[in-house]
Amino acid sequence: MGDAGAVGYADPALVRTWVTGWTVSRGTPAPTRLPWGLYMDVGSARIVGRHVLLRADEEAVREATAGVTVPETWIMVFAEPDEVAAWLPHGWQVDHGETGHLMTADLTLAGPGTGHGRAVGGPDALPDGYARTVETRDGVTLVRIDDAAGEPAARGQMAVRDGAAVMDRISTEEAHRRRGLGSVVMRTLADRAVAAGATLGLLGATPQGRALYETLGWRVRSVLTECVYRP
């Protein structure tokens, strides 16, 4: 898979791979292809569905929103929020709380002492009192870290598609943050991804998550602007 290049509008091939991997990770139906992009059934009571645009322009936004009549339908546009807001018809708004970034990483296995490559792959020692479990089922690899009481402390999962690993649901419980658990989850997933033949990592990052991923060698490829229909 090619590199997406500098930060800006997202490469449509990357977006297709990311969306497909996301639906596998979440166990939702495969995305539907539409003239302006893809439609995802996200399997959420809060979100009716999400249109993912493969073109970041006003025409694509108008086409995607034209037939929407159900509130809480979303569209995702890979362009700056202020730019997208100017293209939205009445009843639509940018949700700044959901807006984030599409990020990528070159995935490599690397052991201790190998320098910069260590940022993406390689084993990690857990802090005392934590235990890690890894399992794969239905094409999805799940990593979970529990505390000494057996309660969940951090987690993450991924699906590999077309040589790319789509990372998903990466989280650390509030009481266990700032202990490196998120880094352990990400590096464990990266190593499993490489073992499965992946050379590229993809994820959709929140503003809070972006800082962690950048320390691990991930790079922002595009702003990911979320818009919702709330007439």
Protein backbone atom coordinates (compact mmCIF):
# COMPACT_ATOMS: atom_id res chain seq x y z
CA MET A 1 0.00 0.00 0.00
CA GLY A 2 1.33 3.44 -0.91
CA ASP A 3 2.15 6.20 1.51
CA ALA A 4 -0.48 8.89 1.88
CA GLY A 5 2.07 11.68 1.63
CA ALA A 6 1.96 14.97 3.50
CA VAL A 7 -0.84 16.02 5.82
CA GLY A 8 -3.88 17.09 3.80
CA TYR A 9 -6.75 15.39 2.05
CA ALA A 10 -6.71 11.63 2.66
CA ASP A 11 -5.73 9.07 0.03
CA PRO A 12 -9.02 7.32 -0.98
CA ALA A 13 -7.26 3.93 -0.98
CA LEU A 14 -6.23 4.44 2.65
CA VAL A 15 -9.73 5.48 3.58
CA ARG A 16 -11.29 2.41 1.95
CA THR A 17 -8.88 0.10 3.76
CA TRP A 18 -9.43 1.84 7.07
CA VAL A 19 -13.22 1.71 6.77
CA THR A 20 -13.20 -1.95 5.75
CA GLY A 21 -10.90 -2.89 8.62
CA TRP A 22 -13.03 -0.90 11.05
CA THR A 23 -16.19 -2.79 10.08
CA VAL A 24 -14.36 -6.11 10.51
CA SER A 25 -13.11 -5.01 13.92
CA ARG A 26 -16.58 -3.95 15.02
CA GLY A 27 -18.39 -6.92 13.47
CA THR A 28 -20.70 -4.67 11.45
CA PRO A 29 -21.77 -5.17 7.81
CA ALA A 30 -19.24 -4.46 5.06
CA PRO A 31 -19.39 -0.83 3.87
CA THR A 32 -21.70 0.01 0.98
CA ARG A 33 -20.16 1.80 -2.00
CA LEU A 34 -21.91 4.98 -3.09
CA PRO A 35 -21.09 7.61 -5.75
CA TRP A 36 -19.46 9.91 -3.18
CA GLY A 37 -17.80 7.27 -1.01
CA LEU A 38 -18.87 4.62 1.49
CA TYR A 39 -21.73 4.08 3.90
CA MET A 40 -21.18 2.36 7.26
CA ASP A 41 -23.77 0.77 9.49
CA VAL A 42 -22.00 1.48 12.77
CA GLY A 43 -24.22 -0.70 14.95
CA SER A 44 -24.96 2.07 17.46
CA ALA A 45 -28.24 3.24 18.90
CA ARG A 46 -26.84 6.79 19.02
CA ILE A 47 -25.61 6.92 15.41
CA VAL A 48 -28.00 5.95 12.62
CA GLY A 49 -25.19 5.51 10.08
CA ARG A 50 -22.11 7.22 8.71
CA HIS A 51 -21.27 8.34 5.17
CA VAL A 52 -17.51 8.42 4.57
CA LEU A 53 -16.58 10.74 1.72
CA LEU A 54 -13.71 9.82 -0.59
CA ARG A 55 -13.61 13.36 -2.02
CA ALA A 56 -13.12 16.43 0.13
CA ASP A 57 -15.14 18.99 -1.80
CA GLU A 58 -18.48 20.78 -1.64
CA GLU A 59 -20.04 18.72 -4.42
CA ALA A 60 -19.38 15.45 -2.57
CA VAL A 61 -20.79 16.88 0.67
CA ARG A 62 -23.94 18.07 -1.10
CA GLU A 63 -24.42 14.70 -2.79
CA ALA A 64 -23.99 12.78 0.47
CA THR A 65 -26.36 14.98 2.47
CA ALA A 66 -29.06 15.46 -0.19
CA GLY A 67 -31.13 12.36 0.58
CA VAL A 68 -30.69 12.31 4.37
CA THR A 69 -33.92 12.76 6.34
CA VAL A 70 -33.18 10.87 9.56
CA PRO A 71 -31.58 12.81 12.45
CA GLU A 72 -28.27 11.52 13.89
CA THR A 73 -27.01 10.47 10.47
CA TRP A 74 -23.31 11.35 10.17
CA ILE A 75 -20.85 12.15 7.42
CA MET A 76 -17.07 12.01 7.67
CA VAL A 77 -15.00 14.39 5.53
CA PHE A 78 -11.20 14.45 5.35
CA ALA A 79 -10.76 18.23 5.39
CA GLU A 80 -10.51 21.04 7.94
CA PRO A 81 -13.67 21.61 10.04
CA ASP A 82 -14.06 25.27 9.05
CA GLU A 83 -13.79 24.35 5.38
CA VAL A 84 -16.37 21.58 5.71
CA ALA A 85 -18.76 23.76 7.73
CA ALA A 86 -19.05 26.14 4.78
CA TRP A 87 -20.23 23.29 2.56
CA LEU A 88 -22.95 21.93 4.87
CA PRO A 89 -26.65 22.53 4.08
CA HIS A 90 -29.24 23.57 6.65
CA GLY A 91 -29.71 21.10 9.50
CA TRP A 92 -26.12 19.84 9.42
CA GLN A 93 -23.32 20.81 11.78
CA VAL A 94 -19.70 19.94 12.48
CA ASP A 95 -19.31 17.97 15.71
CA HIS A 96 -15.97 19.24 17.02
CA GLY A 97 -16.02 16.73 19.88
CA GLU A 98 -15.96 13.79 17.45
CA THR A 99 -13.55 15.34 14.95
CA GLY A 100 -10.07 13.77 14.97
CA HIS A 101 -7.33 12.57 12.62
CA LEU A 102 -6.52 9.70 10.30
CA MET A 103 -3.07 8.40 11.21
CA THR A 104 -0.65 5.86 9.73
CA ALA A 105 2.54 4.09 10.77
CA ASP A 106 5.11 1.86 9.11
CA LEU A 107 4.99 -1.38 11.06
CA THR A 108 8.21 -3.16 11.94
CA LEU A 109 9.30 -5.66 14.54
CA ALA A 110 12.18 -4.30 16.58
CA GLY A 111 13.80 -5.34 19.81
CA PRO A 112 15.30 -3.25 22.60
CA GLY A 113 18.18 -1.00 21.64
CA THR A 114 17.38 -0.75 17.94
CA GLY A 115 16.62 2.94 17.92
CA HIS A 116 13.72 4.69 16.23
CA GLY A 117 12.17 1.49 14.88
CA ARG A 118 11.45 0.52 18.45
CA ALA A 119 8.70 3.14 18.50
CA VAL A 120 6.20 1.07 16.53
CA GLY A 121 6.96 -2.55 17.28
CA GLY A 122 8.85 -4.62 19.81
CA PRO A 123 8.19 -6.24 23.18
CA ASP A 124 7.41 -4.25 26.32
CA ALA A 125 7.64 -5.13 29.98
CA LEU A 126 4.47 -4.49 31.94
CA PRO A 127 4.60 -2.63 35.24
CA ASP A 128 4.39 -4.86 38.31
CA GLY A 129 0.89 -6.07 39.10
CA TYR A 130 -0.42 -6.16 35.52
CA ALA A 131 -1.09 -9.09 33.22
CA ARG A 132 -1.60 -9.12 29.44
CA THR A 133 -3.75 -11.46 27.37
CA VAL A 134 -3.89 -11.65 23.57
CA GLU A 135 -6.43 -13.55 21.53
CA THR A 136 -7.64 -13.62 17.93
CA ARG A 137 -11.16 -14.54 16.91
CA ASP A 138 -13.12 -13.95 13.72
CA GLY A 139 -10.17 -12.10 12.21
CA VAL A 140 -9.88 -9.62 15.09
CA THR A 141 -6.93 -9.57 17.49
CA LEU A 142 -7.70 -8.29 20.98
CA VAL A 143 -5.18 -7.21 23.63
CA ARG A 144 -6.27 -6.76 27.22
CA ILE A 145 -4.26 -5.70 30.25
CA ASP A 146 -5.72 -6.45 33.69
CA ASP A 147 -4.65 -5.14 37.07
CA ALA A 148 -3.72 -7.28 40.08
CA ALA A 149 -7.40 -7.71 40.97
CA GLY A 150 -8.20 -9.01 37.48
CA GLU A 151 -10.04 -5.84 36.50
CA PRO A 152 -9.52 -4.33 33.02
CA ALA A 153 -6.89 -1.57 32.90
CA ALA A 154 -6.25 -1.12 29.16
CA ARG A 155 -7.32 -2.68 25.88
CA GLY A 156 -7.19 -2.48 22.12
CA GLN A 157 -7.99 -4.50 19.01
CA MET A 158 -7.21 -4.64 15.31
CA ALA A 159 -8.16 -6.25 12.00
CA VAL A 160 -5.69 -6.83 9.15
CA ARG A 161 -6.87 -6.15 5.61
CA ASP A 162 -4.89 -5.75 2.36
CA GLY A 163 -1.55 -5.58 4.15
CA ALA A 164 -2.75 -2.95 6.62
CA ALA A 165 -3.63 -3.28 10.30
CA VAL A 166 -6.56 -1.14 11.41
CA MET A 167 -6.17 -0.36 15.11
CA ASP A 168 -9.38 0.20 17.03
CA ARG A 169 -10.86 0.78 20.49
CA ILE A 170 -7.56 1.65 22.13
CA SER A 171 -8.26 2.79 25.68
CA THR A 172 -6.84 2.95 29.20
CA GLU A 173 -8.98 3.23 32.30
CA GLU A 174 -8.60 6.54 34.12
CA ALA A 175 -7.05 5.02 37.26
CA HIS A 176 -4.32 3.30 35.21
CA ARG A 177 -3.18 6.10 32.92
CA ARG A 178 0.39 7.46 32.67
CA ARG A 179 1.89 4.02 33.31
CA GLY A 180 2.70 3.12 29.72
CA LEU A 181 -0.14 0.63 29.33
CA GLY A 182 -1.44 2.22 26.13
CA SER A 183 2.02 1.94 24.61
CA VAL A 184 2.17 -1.75 25.54
CA VAL A 185 -1.20 -2.35 23.89
CA MET A 186 -0.17 -0.56 20.70
CA ARG A 187 3.19 -2.30 20.42
CA THR A 188 1.65 -5.69 21.10
CA LEU A 189 -0.89 -5.11 18.33
CA ALA A 190 1.86 -3.88 16.00
CA ASP A 191 3.89 -7.05 16.54
CA ARG A 192 0.86 -9.25 15.88
CA ALA A 193 0.09 -7.20 12.77
CA VAL A 194 3.59 -7.71 11.38
CA ALA A 195 3.32 -11.42 12.10
CA ALA A 196 0.08 -11.42 10.07
CA GLY A 197 1.82 -9.77 7.11
CA ALA A 198 0.85 -6.14 7.67
CA THR A 199 3.33 -3.41 6.82
CA LEU A 200 1.09 -0.39 7.43
CA GLY A 201 -0.94 0.68 10.44
CA LEU A 202 -4.12 2.77 10.21
CA LEU A 203 -6.28 4.34 12.89
CA GLY A 204 -8.71 7.14 13.56
CA ALA A 205 -7.39 9.17 16.49
CA THR A 206 -9.10 11.48 18.94
CA PRO A 207 -7.20 14.67 19.80
CA GLN A 208 -6.27 13.05 23.14
CA GLY A 209 -5.10 9.81 21.54
CA ARG A 210 -3.06 11.56 18.87
CA ALA A 211 -0.37 12.58 21.38
CA LEU A 212 0.23 8.97 22.44
CA TYR A 213 0.33 7.65 18.90
CA GLU A 214 2.80 10.29 17.77
CA THR A 215 5.23 9.22 20.50
CA LEU A 216 5.01 5.71 19.04
CA GLY A 217 5.93 6.76 15.50
CA TRP A 218 2.46 7.34 14.05
CA ARG A 219 1.89 10.30 11.72
CA VAL A 220 -1.18 12.39 10.96
CA ARG A 221 -2.35 12.05 7.36
CA SER A 222 -5.53 14.08 7.43
CA VAL A 223 -8.00 15.83 9.64
CA LEU A 224 -11.10 13.70 10.08
CA THR A 225 -14.11 16.02 10.36
CA GLU A 226 -17.36 14.56 11.68
CA CYS A 227 -20.70 16.16 10.77
CA VAL A 228 -24.17 15.24 12.01
CA TYR A 229 -27.71 15.92 10.81
CA ARG A 230 -29.68 17.58 13.63
CA PRO A 231 -32.49 19.61 12.05
